[in-house]
Amino acid sequence: MQDTIVQKHKKNFETLIKAFKDDSVCLLDCIENATGEHVAVICATNFDGKEVDMVPFAKFFNSDPYKLLVPSDVGERVKIPRSKK
C-alpha cells in the first residue's frame, strides 16, 4: 500500500511538535519565489552557538483556506498529542 500525503509528512510534523515543546520555533516573513507574495512561515530554529538556522516547515494562508481546500477522504489523519495537565 502506498503512503498518503499525510503519512509522508508525519516525521516532519513530529519534528515540528518537538520544536514547539523545546521553544525552538519562530514565525518568519518570507517572499514566495513563484508569486513574489509575502507569506508567514513557521520555522524550527537550530542554534550552533554562533548562528541560527531556520528550517521552514509550514506557511500560513493569506486567503480563506475554507475556500481553497477540501479534506481528502483517503488515509490516516495526523492527531496532535495533547499534553497532560
Protein backbone atom coordinates (compact mmCIF):
# COMPACT_ATOMS: atom_id res chain seq x y z
CA MET A 1 0.00 0.00 0.00
CA GLN A 2 1.29 3.45 -0.92
CA ASP A 3 1.74 6.13 1.75
CA THR A 4 -0.72 9.01 1.79
CA ILE A 5 0.47 12.62 1.71
CA VAL A 6 -0.17 12.82 5.47
CA GLN A 7 1.97 9.74 6.17
CA LYS A 8 4.80 11.21 4.08
CA HIS A 9 4.82 14.35 6.26
CA LYS A 10 4.33 12.64 9.62
CA LYS A 11 8.04 12.71 10.59
CA ASN A 12 8.27 16.44 9.81
CA PHE A 13 5.09 17.01 11.83
CA GLU A 14 6.57 15.15 14.82
CA THR A 15 9.77 17.23 14.49
CA LEU A 16 7.69 20.40 14.50
CA ILE A 17 5.84 19.27 17.66
CA LYS A 18 9.22 18.68 19.34
CA ALA A 19 10.44 22.12 18.25
CA PHE A 20 7.37 23.73 19.84
CA LYS A 21 7.96 21.79 23.07
CA ASP A 22 11.61 22.95 23.05
CA ASP A 23 10.60 26.57 22.36
CA SER A 24 12.67 26.40 19.16
CA VAL A 25 10.25 27.87 16.63
CA CYS A 26 9.74 31.24 15.02
CA LEU A 27 7.40 32.95 12.62
CA LEU A 28 9.30 34.39 9.66
CA ASP A 29 8.19 36.79 6.92
CA CYS A 30 9.26 35.29 3.59
CA ILE A 31 8.67 36.04 -0.08
CA GLU A 32 7.34 33.21 -2.22
CA ASN A 33 9.56 32.84 -5.30
CA ALA A 34 6.76 31.91 -7.69
CA THR A 35 4.46 34.83 -6.88
CA GLY A 36 6.52 37.48 -5.07
CA GLU A 37 3.86 37.39 -2.33
CA HIS A 38 4.82 37.82 1.34
CA VAL A 39 3.98 34.74 3.38
CA ALA A 40 4.30 33.94 7.09
CA VAL A 41 6.32 30.75 7.60
CA ILE A 42 6.65 28.58 10.72
CA CYS A 43 10.31 27.63 11.14
CA ALA A 44 12.16 25.38 13.56
CA THR A 45 15.32 27.05 14.80
CA ASN A 46 18.72 25.45 15.32
CA PHE A 47 21.41 27.39 17.20
CA ASP A 48 25.00 26.16 16.92
CA GLY A 49 26.47 28.70 19.32
CA LYS A 50 27.25 31.24 16.59
CA GLU A 51 24.43 31.25 14.07
CA VAL A 52 20.73 30.44 13.98
CA ASP A 53 19.49 28.20 11.17
CA MET A 54 15.79 28.45 10.35
CA VAL A 55 14.17 25.36 8.88
CA PRO A 56 10.83 26.13 7.18
CA PHE A 57 8.02 23.69 8.00
CA ALA A 58 4.73 25.35 7.12
CA LYS A 59 3.27 28.54 5.71
CA PHE A 60 0.10 30.36 6.63
CA PHE A 61 -2.68 31.06 4.16
CA ASN A 62 -3.05 34.67 3.03
CA SER A 63 -6.62 34.00 1.95
CA ASP A 64 -9.54 31.97 3.27
CA PRO A 65 -8.39 28.32 3.48
CA TYR A 66 -12.02 27.13 3.59
CA LYS A 67 -12.41 28.44 0.03
CA LEU A 68 -9.15 26.84 -1.12
CA LEU A 69 -9.24 23.36 0.44
CA VAL A 70 -11.44 20.30 0.59
CA PRO A 71 -10.50 17.50 3.02
CA SER A 72 -9.49 14.20 1.50
CA ASP A 73 -11.40 11.07 2.49
CA VAL A 74 -8.27 8.97 1.94
CA GLY A 75 -5.68 7.94 4.51
CA GLU A 76 -4.77 8.46 8.10
CA ARG A 77 -5.28 11.83 9.76
CA VAL A 78 -2.47 13.09 11.96
CA LYS A 79 -3.57 13.70 15.52
CA ILE A 80 -1.90 16.27 17.72
CA PRO A 81 -0.86 14.72 21.03
CA ARG A 82 -2.37 16.57 23.98
CA SER A 83 -0.10 17.35 26.90
CA LYS A 84 -1.26 16.14 30.28
CA LYS A 85 -2.06 18.99 32.64
